[in-house]
Amino acid sequence: MYNCKDSINLLLEFLDGEMSAEEAQHLKEHLRGCSPCVDFLRTYRATPGLCKKALAAKMPKEVSEKLTEYLRSKIKSAS
């Protein structure tokens, strides 16, 4: 049976279906008894969708202009 550290390190293999049936069974057994790991798995699965939504959002033009102005002033003062 896996501990929490083992489980977290194996999640990508588990989600991609690249894990042996025996390893997957051990991981599932751990997940049945460990709510923190189940919560982590839930968050781990949701991350790609959240990133896509964040990248699709557009920054308002005035915020973009102020940010550009700020960064340019910092670059000039660092030179």
PDB file of N, CA and C in Angstrom:
ATOM      1  N   MET A   1       0.851  -1.185   0.000  1.00  0.00           N
ATOM      2  CA  MET A   1       0.000   0.000   0.000  1.00  0.00           C
ATOM      3  C   MET A   1       0.891   1.241   0.000  1.00  0.00           C
ATOM      4  N   TYR A   2       0.436   2.277  -0.667  1.00  0.00           N
ATOM      5  CA  TYR A   2       1.216   3.500  -0.791  1.00  0.00           C
ATOM      6  C   TYR A   2       0.946   4.456   0.362  1.00  0.00           C
ATOM      7  N   ASN A   3       1.939   5.312   0.642  1.00  0.00           N
ATOM      8  CA  ASN A   3       1.712   6.406   1.581  1.00  0.00           C
ATOM      9  C   ASN A   3       1.355   7.655   0.764  1.00  0.00           C
ATOM     10  N   CYS A   4       1.127   8.780   1.415  1.00  0.00           N
ATOM     11  CA  CYS A   4       0.695  10.000   0.719  1.00  0.00           C
ATOM     12  C   CYS A   4       1.744  10.477  -0.286  1.00  0.00           C
ATOM     13  N   LYS A   5       3.001  10.474   0.105  1.00  0.00           N
ATOM     14  CA  LYS A   5       4.054  10.939  -0.798  1.00  0.00           C
ATOM     15  C   LYS A   5       4.112  10.065  -2.045  1.00  0.00           C
ATOM     16  N   ASP A   6       4.062   8.754  -1.867  1.00  0.00           N
ATOM     17  CA  ASP A   6       4.069   7.843  -3.015  1.00  0.00           C
ATOM     18  C   ASP A   6       2.880   8.133  -3.928  1.00  0.00           C
ATOM     19  N   SER A   7       1.732   8.317  -3.336  1.00  0.00           N
ATOM     20  CA  SER A   7       0.500   8.528  -4.102  1.00  0.00           C
ATOM     21  C   SER A   7       0.576   9.785  -4.942  1.00  0.00           C
ATOM     22  N   ILE A   8       1.030  10.855  -4.363  1.00  0.00           N
ATOM     23  CA  ILE A   8       1.114  12.121  -5.086  1.00  0.00           C
ATOM     24  C   ILE A   8       2.104  12.013  -6.238  1.00  0.00           C
ATOM     25  N   ASN A   9       3.212  11.317  -6.020  1.00  0.00           N
ATOM     26  CA  ASN A   9       4.212  11.159  -7.074  1.00  0.00           C
ATOM     27  C   ASN A   9       3.703  10.313  -8.236  1.00  0.00           C
ATOM     28  N   LEU A  10       2.688   9.492  -8.012  1.00  0.00           N
ATOM     29  CA  LEU A  10       2.183   8.588  -9.043  1.00  0.00           C
ATOM     30  C   LEU A  10       0.908   9.074  -9.735  1.00  0.00           C
ATOM     31  N   LEU A  11       0.394  10.226  -9.333  1.00  0.00           N
ATOM     32  CA  LEU A  11      -0.896  10.672  -9.874  1.00  0.00           C
ATOM     33  C   LEU A  11      -0.889  10.871 -11.387  1.00  0.00           C
ATOM     34  N   LEU A  12       0.160  11.424 -11.942  1.00  0.00           N
ATOM     35  CA  LEU A  12       0.185  11.667 -13.390  1.00  0.00           C
ATOM     36  C   LEU A  12       0.110  10.344 -14.149  1.00  0.00           C
ATOM     37  N   GLU A  13       0.885   9.366 -13.708  1.00  0.00           N
ATOM     38  CA  GLU A  13       0.826   8.039 -14.340  1.00  0.00           C
ATOM     39  C   GLU A  13      -0.571   7.446 -14.217  1.00  0.00           C
ATOM     40  N   PHE A  14      -1.177   7.618 -13.054  1.00  0.00           N
ATOM     41  CA  PHE A  14      -2.514   7.088 -12.806  1.00  0.00           C
ATOM     42  C   PHE A  14      -3.537   7.741 -13.740  1.00  0.00           C
ATOM     43  N   LEU A  15      -3.499   9.060 -13.830  1.00  0.00           N
ATOM     44  CA  LEU A  15      -4.474   9.782 -14.648  1.00  0.00           C
ATOM     45  C   LEU A  15      -4.270   9.538 -16.135  1.00  0.00           C
ATOM     46  N   ASP A  16      -3.018   9.321 -16.550  1.00  0.00           N
ATOM     47  CA  ASP A  16      -2.725   9.056 -17.958  1.00  0.00           C
ATOM     48  C   ASP A  16      -2.938   7.588 -18.334  1.00  0.00           C
ATOM     49  N   GLY A  17      -3.277   6.749 -17.354  1.00  0.00           N
ATOM     50  CA  GLY A  17      -3.494   5.334 -17.613  1.00  0.00           C
ATOM     51  C   GLY A  17      -2.203   4.580 -17.898  1.00  0.00           C
ATOM     52  N   GLU A  18      -1.079   5.096 -17.421  1.00  0.00           N
ATOM     53  CA  GLU A  18       0.225   4.483 -17.676  1.00  0.00           C
ATOM     54  C   GLU A  18       0.728   3.680 -16.478  1.00  0.00           C
ATOM     55  N   MET A  19      -0.174   3.222 -15.657  1.00  0.00           N
ATOM     56  CA  MET A  19       0.189   2.513 -14.439  1.00  0.00           C
ATOM     57  C   MET A  19      -0.313   1.075 -14.552  1.00  0.00           C
ATOM     58  N   SER A  20       0.486   0.153 -14.031  1.00  0.00           N
ATOM     59  CA  SER A  20       0.049  -1.247 -14.057  1.00  0.00           C
ATOM     60  C   SER A  20      -1.229  -1.392 -13.225  1.00  0.00           C
ATOM     61  N   ALA A  21      -1.970  -2.432 -13.511  1.00  0.00           N
ATOM     62  CA  ALA A  21      -3.214  -2.674 -12.782  1.00  0.00           C
ATOM     63  C   ALA A  21      -2.942  -2.860 -11.291  1.00  0.00           C
ATOM     64  N   GLU A  22      -1.838  -3.514 -10.974  1.00  0.00           N
ATOM     65  CA  GLU A  22      -1.490  -3.747  -9.564  1.00  0.00           C
ATOM     66  C   GLU A  22      -1.173  -2.423  -8.859  1.00  0.00           C
ATOM     67  N   GLU A  23      -0.366  -1.568  -9.509  1.00  0.00           N
ATOM     68  CA  GLU A  23      -0.041  -0.273  -8.906  1.00  0.00           C
ATOM     69  C   GLU A  23      -1.296   0.579  -8.747  1.00  0.00           C
ATOM     70  N   ALA A  24      -2.152   0.568  -9.773  1.00  0.00           N
ATOM     71  CA  ALA A  24      -3.394   1.342  -9.710  1.00  0.00           C
ATOM     72  C   ALA A  24      -4.263   0.871  -8.552  1.00  0.00           C
ATOM     73  N   GLN A  25      -4.299  -0.428  -8.330  1.00  0.00           N
ATOM     74  CA  GLN A  25      -5.091  -0.971  -7.227  1.00  0.00           C
ATOM     75  C   GLN A  25      -4.552  -0.495  -5.881  1.00  0.00           C
ATOM     76  N   HIS A  26      -3.224  -0.499  -5.722  1.00  0.00           N
ATOM     77  CA  HIS A  26      -2.617  -0.020  -4.474  1.00  0.00           C
ATOM     78  C   HIS A  26      -2.932   1.459  -4.257  1.00  0.00           C
ATOM     79  N   LEU A  27      -2.851   2.240  -5.332  1.00  0.00           N
ATOM     80  CA  LEU A  27      -3.154   3.663  -5.225  1.00  0.00           C
ATOM     81  C   LEU A  27      -4.622   3.876  -4.855  1.00  0.00           C
ATOM     82  N   LYS A  28      -5.505   3.131  -5.497  1.00  0.00           N
ATOM     83  CA  LYS A  28      -6.936   3.255  -5.186  1.00  0.00           C
ATOM     84  C   LYS A  28      -7.219   2.895  -3.726  1.00  0.00           C
ATOM     85  N   GLU A  29      -6.520   1.882  -3.229  1.00  0.00           N
ATOM     86  CA  GLU A  29      -6.693   1.499  -1.820  1.00  0.00           C
ATOM     87  C   GLU A  29      -6.283   2.654  -0.906  1.00  0.00           C
ATOM     88  N   HIS A  30      -5.183   3.295  -1.239  1.00  0.00           N
ATOM     89  CA  HIS A  30      -4.743   4.434  -0.432  1.00  0.00           C
ATOM     90  C   HIS A  30      -5.772   5.567  -0.513  1.00  0.00           C
ATOM     91  N   LEU A  31      -6.254   5.845  -1.713  1.00  0.00           N
ATOM     92  CA  LEU A  31      -7.213   6.936  -1.885  1.00  0.00           C
ATOM     93  C   LEU A  31      -8.520   6.683  -1.139  1.00  0.00           C
ATOM     94  N   ARG A  32      -8.922   5.426  -1.029  1.00  0.00           N
ATOM     95  CA  ARG A  32     -10.154   5.109  -0.286  1.00  0.00           C
ATOM     96  C   ARG A  32     -10.057   5.501   1.181  1.00  0.00           C
ATOM     97  N   GLY A  33      -8.847   5.468   1.730  1.00  0.00           N
ATOM     98  CA  GLY A  33      -8.694   5.759   3.155  1.00  0.00           C
ATOM     99  C   GLY A  33      -8.040   7.095   3.459  1.00  0.00           C
ATOM    100  N   CYS A  34      -7.833   7.934   2.449  1.00  0.00           N
ATOM    101  CA  CYS A  34      -7.093   9.177   2.689  1.00  0.00           C
ATOM    102  C   CYS A  34      -7.789  10.364   2.022  1.00  0.00           C
ATOM    103  N   SER A  35      -8.626  11.052   2.778  1.00  0.00           N
ATOM    104  CA  SER A  35      -9.367  12.176   2.196  1.00  0.00           C
ATOM    105  C   SER A  35      -8.461  13.327   1.750  1.00  0.00           C
ATOM    106  N   PRO A  36      -7.324  13.622   2.416  1.00  0.00           N
ATOM    107  CA  PRO A  36      -6.448  14.687   1.893  1.00  0.00           C
ATOM    108  C   PRO A  36      -5.914  14.357   0.492  1.00  0.00           C
ATOM    109  N   CYS A  37      -5.579  13.110   0.246  1.00  0.00           N
ATOM    110  CA  CYS A  37      -5.098  12.737  -1.089  1.00  0.00           C
ATOM    111  C   CYS A  37      -6.227  12.793  -2.121  1.00  0.00           C
ATOM    112  N   VAL A  38      -7.434  12.430  -1.727  1.00  0.00           N
ATOM    113  CA  VAL A  38      -8.577  12.526  -2.631  1.00  0.00           C
ATOM    114  C   VAL A  38      -8.817  13.992  -2.994  1.00  0.00           C
ATOM    115  N   ASP A  39      -8.734  14.876  -2.013  1.00  0.00           N
ATOM    116  CA  ASP A  39      -8.888  16.311  -2.280  1.00  0.00           C
ATOM    117  C   ASP A  39      -7.790  16.808  -3.217  1.00  0.00           C
ATOM    118  N   PHE A  40      -6.559  16.349  -2.986  1.00  0.00           N
ATOM    119  CA  PHE A  40      -5.448  16.738  -3.855  1.00  0.00           C
ATOM    120  C   PHE A  40      -5.691  16.238  -5.276  1.00  0.00           C
ATOM    121  N   LEU A  41      -6.147  15.007  -5.428  1.00  0.00           N
ATOM    122  CA  LEU A  41      -6.443  14.441  -6.743  1.00  0.00           C
ATOM    123  C   LEU A  41      -7.519  15.261  -7.449  1.00  0.00           C
ATOM    124  N   ARG A  42      -8.548  15.645  -6.733  1.00  0.00           N
ATOM    125  CA  ARG A  42      -9.630  16.454  -7.299  1.00  0.00           C
ATOM    126  C   ARG A  42      -9.073  17.777  -7.823  1.00  0.00           C
ATOM    127  N   THR A  43      -8.229  18.421  -7.039  1.00  0.00           N
ATOM    128  CA  THR A  43      -7.615  19.687  -7.434  1.00  0.00           C
ATOM    129  C   THR A  43      -6.680  19.476  -8.620  1.00  0.00           C
ATOM    130  N   TYR A  44      -5.912  18.414  -8.577  1.00  0.00           N
ATOM    131  CA  TYR A  44      -4.955  18.073  -9.634  1.00  0.00           C
ATOM    132  C   TYR A  44      -5.679  17.889 -10.965  1.00  0.00           C
ATOM    133  N   ARG A  45      -6.825  17.232 -10.933  1.00  0.00           N
ATOM    134  CA  ARG A  45      -7.622  17.019 -12.153  1.00  0.00           C
ATOM    135  C   ARG A  45      -8.203  18.334 -12.681  1.00  0.00           C
ATOM    136  N   ALA A  46      -8.536  19.251 -11.792  1.00  0.00           N
ATOM    137  CA  ALA A  46      -9.173  20.508 -12.197  1.00  0.00           C
ATOM    138  C   ALA A  46      -8.177  21.540 -12.726  1.00  0.00           C
ATOM    139  N   THR A  47      -6.911  21.393 -12.428  1.00  0.00           N
ATOM    140  CA  THR A  47      -5.912  22.409 -12.762  1.00  0.00           C
ATOM    141  C   THR A  47      -5.839  22.747 -14.252  1.00  0.00           C
ATOM    142  N   PRO A  48      -5.772  21.783 -15.170  1.00  0.00           N
ATOM    143  CA  PRO A  48      -5.677  22.156 -16.590  1.00  0.00           C
ATOM    144  C   PRO A  48      -6.845  23.018 -17.067  1.00  0.00           C
ATOM    145  N   GLY A  49      -8.046  22.686 -16.646  1.00  0.00           N
ATOM    146  CA  GLY A  49      -9.214  23.482 -17.053  1.00  0.00           C
ATOM    147  C   GLY A  49      -9.160  24.890 -16.497  1.00  0.00           C
ATOM    148  N   LEU A  50      -8.715  25.030 -15.260  1.00  0.00           N
ATOM    149  CA  LEU A  50      -8.590  26.356 -14.662  1.00  0.00           C
ATOM    150  C   LEU A  50      -7.531  27.191 -15.386  1.00  0.00           C
ATOM    151  N   CYS A  51      -6.443  26.544 -15.770  1.00  0.00           N
ATOM    152  CA  CYS A  51      -5.382  27.258 -16.504  1.00  0.00           C
ATOM    153  C   CYS A  51      -5.889  27.733 -17.861  1.00  0.00           C
ATOM    154  N   LYS A  52      -6.643  26.891 -18.557  1.00  0.00           N
ATOM    155  CA  LYS A  52      -7.199  27.284 -19.856  1.00  0.00           C
ATOM    156  C   LYS A  52      -8.110  28.491 -19.706  1.00  0.00           C
ATOM    157  N   LYS A  53      -8.940  28.488 -18.664  1.00  0.00           N
ATOM    158  CA  LYS A  53      -9.831  29.623 -18.432  1.00  0.00           C
ATOM    159  C   LYS A  53      -9.044  30.882 -18.134  1.00  0.00           C
ATOM    160  N   ALA A  54      -8.000  30.767 -17.339  1.00  0.00           N
ATOM    161  CA  ALA A  54      -7.190  31.931 -16.976  1.00  0.00           C
ATOM    162  C   ALA A  54      -6.480  32.495 -18.204  1.00  0.00           C
ATOM    163  N   LEU A  55      -5.976  31.620 -19.069  1.00  0.00           N
ATOM    164  CA  LEU A  55      -5.271  32.076 -20.259  1.00  0.00           C
ATOM    165  C   LEU A  55      -6.219  32.687 -21.286  1.00  0.00           C
ATOM    166  N   ALA A  56      -7.482  32.268 -21.266  1.00  0.00           N
ATOM    167  CA  ALA A  56      -8.462  32.802 -22.207  1.00  0.00           C
ATOM    168  C   ALA A  56      -8.939  34.189 -21.807  1.00  0.00           C
ATOM    169  N   ALA A  57      -8.787  34.542 -20.542  1.00  0.00           N
ATOM    170  CA  ALA A  57      -9.245  35.851 -20.067  1.00  0.00           C
ATOM    171  C   ALA A  57      -8.342  36.952 -20.632  1.00  0.00           C
ATOM    172  N   LYS A  58      -8.932  38.021 -21.024  1.00  0.00           N
ATOM    173  CA  LYS A  58      -8.185  39.149 -21.579  1.00  0.00           C
ATOM    174  C   LYS A  58      -8.007  40.218 -20.512  1.00  0.00           C
ATOM    175  N   MET A  59      -6.805  40.762 -20.469  1.00  0.00           N
ATOM    176  CA  MET A  59      -6.519  41.846 -19.537  1.00  0.00           C
ATOM    177  C   MET A  59      -7.109  43.131 -20.125  1.00  0.00           C
ATOM    178  N   PRO A  60      -7.798  43.910 -19.314  1.00  0.00           N
ATOM    179  CA  PRO A  60      -8.327  45.188 -19.813  1.00  0.00           C
ATOM    180  C   PRO A  60      -7.184  46.062 -20.347  1.00  0.00           C
ATOM    181  N   LYS A  61      -7.466  46.781 -21.431  1.00  0.00           N
ATOM    182  CA  LYS A  61      -6.445  47.586 -22.106  1.00  0.00           C
ATOM    183  C   LYS A  61      -5.766  48.564 -21.154  1.00  0.00           C
ATOM    184  N   GLU A  62      -6.532  49.236 -20.315  1.00  0.00           N
ATOM    185  CA  GLU A  62      -5.926  50.232 -19.426  1.00  0.00           C
ATOM    186  C   GLU A  62      -5.009  49.577 -18.400  1.00  0.00           C
ATOM    187  N   VAL A  63      -5.356  48.381 -17.939  1.00  0.00           N
ATOM    188  CA  VAL A  63      -4.486  47.653 -17.007  1.00  0.00           C
ATOM    189  C   VAL A  63      -3.205  47.240 -17.727  1.00  0.00           C
ATOM    190  N   SER A  64      -3.343  46.754 -18.952  1.00  0.00           N
ATOM    191  CA  SER A  64      -2.190  46.359 -19.746  1.00  0.00           C
ATOM    192  C   SER A  64      -1.242  47.537 -19.975  1.00  0.00           C
ATOM    193  N   GLU A  65      -1.806  48.694 -20.293  1.00  0.00           N
ATOM    194  CA  GLU A  65      -0.982  49.882 -20.524  1.00  0.00           C
ATOM    195  C   GLU A  65      -0.253  50.306 -19.251  1.00  0.00           C
ATOM    196  N   LYS A  66      -0.938  50.286 -18.131  1.00  0.00           N
ATOM    197  CA  LYS A  66      -0.315  50.672 -16.853  1.00  0.00           C
ATOM    198  C   LYS A  66       0.783  49.678 -16.465  1.00  0.00           C
ATOM    199  N   LEU A  67       0.535  48.407 -16.697  1.00  0.00           N
ATOM    200  CA  LEU A  67       1.538  47.395 -16.389  1.00  0.00           C
ATOM    201  C   LEU A  67       2.776  47.586 -17.266  1.00  0.00           C
ATOM    202  N   THR A  68       2.564  47.825 -18.547  1.00  0.00           N
ATOM    203  CA  THR A  68       3.685  48.066 -19.463  1.00  0.00           C
ATOM    204  C   THR A  68       4.477  49.288 -19.030  1.00  0.00           C
ATOM    205  N   GLU A  69       3.788  50.348 -18.691  1.00  0.00           N
ATOM    206  CA  GLU A  69       4.439  51.577 -18.238  1.00  0.00           C
ATOM    207  C   GLU A  69       5.255  51.318 -16.969  1.00  0.00           C
ATOM    208  N   TYR A  70       4.686  50.604 -16.037  1.00  0.00           N
ATOM    209  CA  TYR A  70       5.370  50.284 -14.785  1.00  0.00           C
ATOM    210  C   TYR A  70       6.634  49.464 -15.040  1.00  0.00           C
ATOM    211  N   LEU A  71       6.508  48.418 -15.871  1.00  0.00           N
ATOM    212  CA  LEU A  71       7.658  47.557 -16.149  1.00  0.00           C
ATOM    213  C   LEU A  71       8.752  48.329 -16.879  1.00  0.00           C
ATOM    214  N   ARG A  72       8.384  49.188 -17.799  1.00  0.00           N
ATOM    215  CA  ARG A  72       9.392  50.006 -18.500  1.00  0.00           C
ATOM    216  C   ARG A  72      10.123  50.912 -17.524  1.00  0.00           C
ATOM    217  N   SER A  73       9.393  51.505 -16.581  1.00  0.00           N
ATOM    218  CA  SER A  73      10.054  52.385 -15.608  1.00  0.00           C
ATOM    219  C   SER A  73      11.012  51.596 -14.715  1.00  0.00           C
ATOM    220  N   LYS A  74      10.660  50.371 -14.369  1.00  0.00           N
ATOM    221  CA  LYS A  74      11.535  49.537 -13.542  1.00  0.00           C
ATOM    222  C   LYS A  74      12.790  49.119 -14.317  1.00  0.00           C
ATOM    223  N   ILE A  75      12.623  48.833 -15.600  1.00  0.00           N
ATOM    224  CA  ILE A  75      13.775  48.453 -16.429  1.00  0.00           C
ATOM    225  C   ILE A  75      14.736  49.629 -16.556  1.00  0.00           C
ATOM    226  N   LYS A  76      14.184  50.835 -16.773  1.00  0.00           N
ATOM    227  CA  LYS A  76      15.024  52.028 -16.897  1.00  0.00           C
ATOM    228  C   LYS A  76      15.763  52.332 -15.605  1.00  0.00           C
ATOM    229  N   SER A  77      15.080  52.167 -14.468  1.00  0.00           N
ATOM    230  CA  SER A  77      15.722  52.481 -13.196  1.00  0.00           C
ATOM    231  C   SER A  77      16.758  51.429 -12.802  1.00  0.00           C
ATOM    232  N   ALA A  78      16.633  50.228 -13.339  1.00  0.00           N
ATOM    233  CA  ALA A  78      17.594  49.177 -13.037  1.00  0.00           C
ATOM    234  C   ALA A  78      18.877  49.300 -13.876  1.00  0.00           C
ATOM    235  N   SER A  79      18.779  50.049 -14.969  1.00  0.00           N
ATOM    236  CA  SER A  79      19.940  50.190 -15.875  1.00  0.00           C
ATOM    237  C   SER A  79      20.984  51.129 -15.359  1.00  0.00           C
TER     238      SER A  79
END
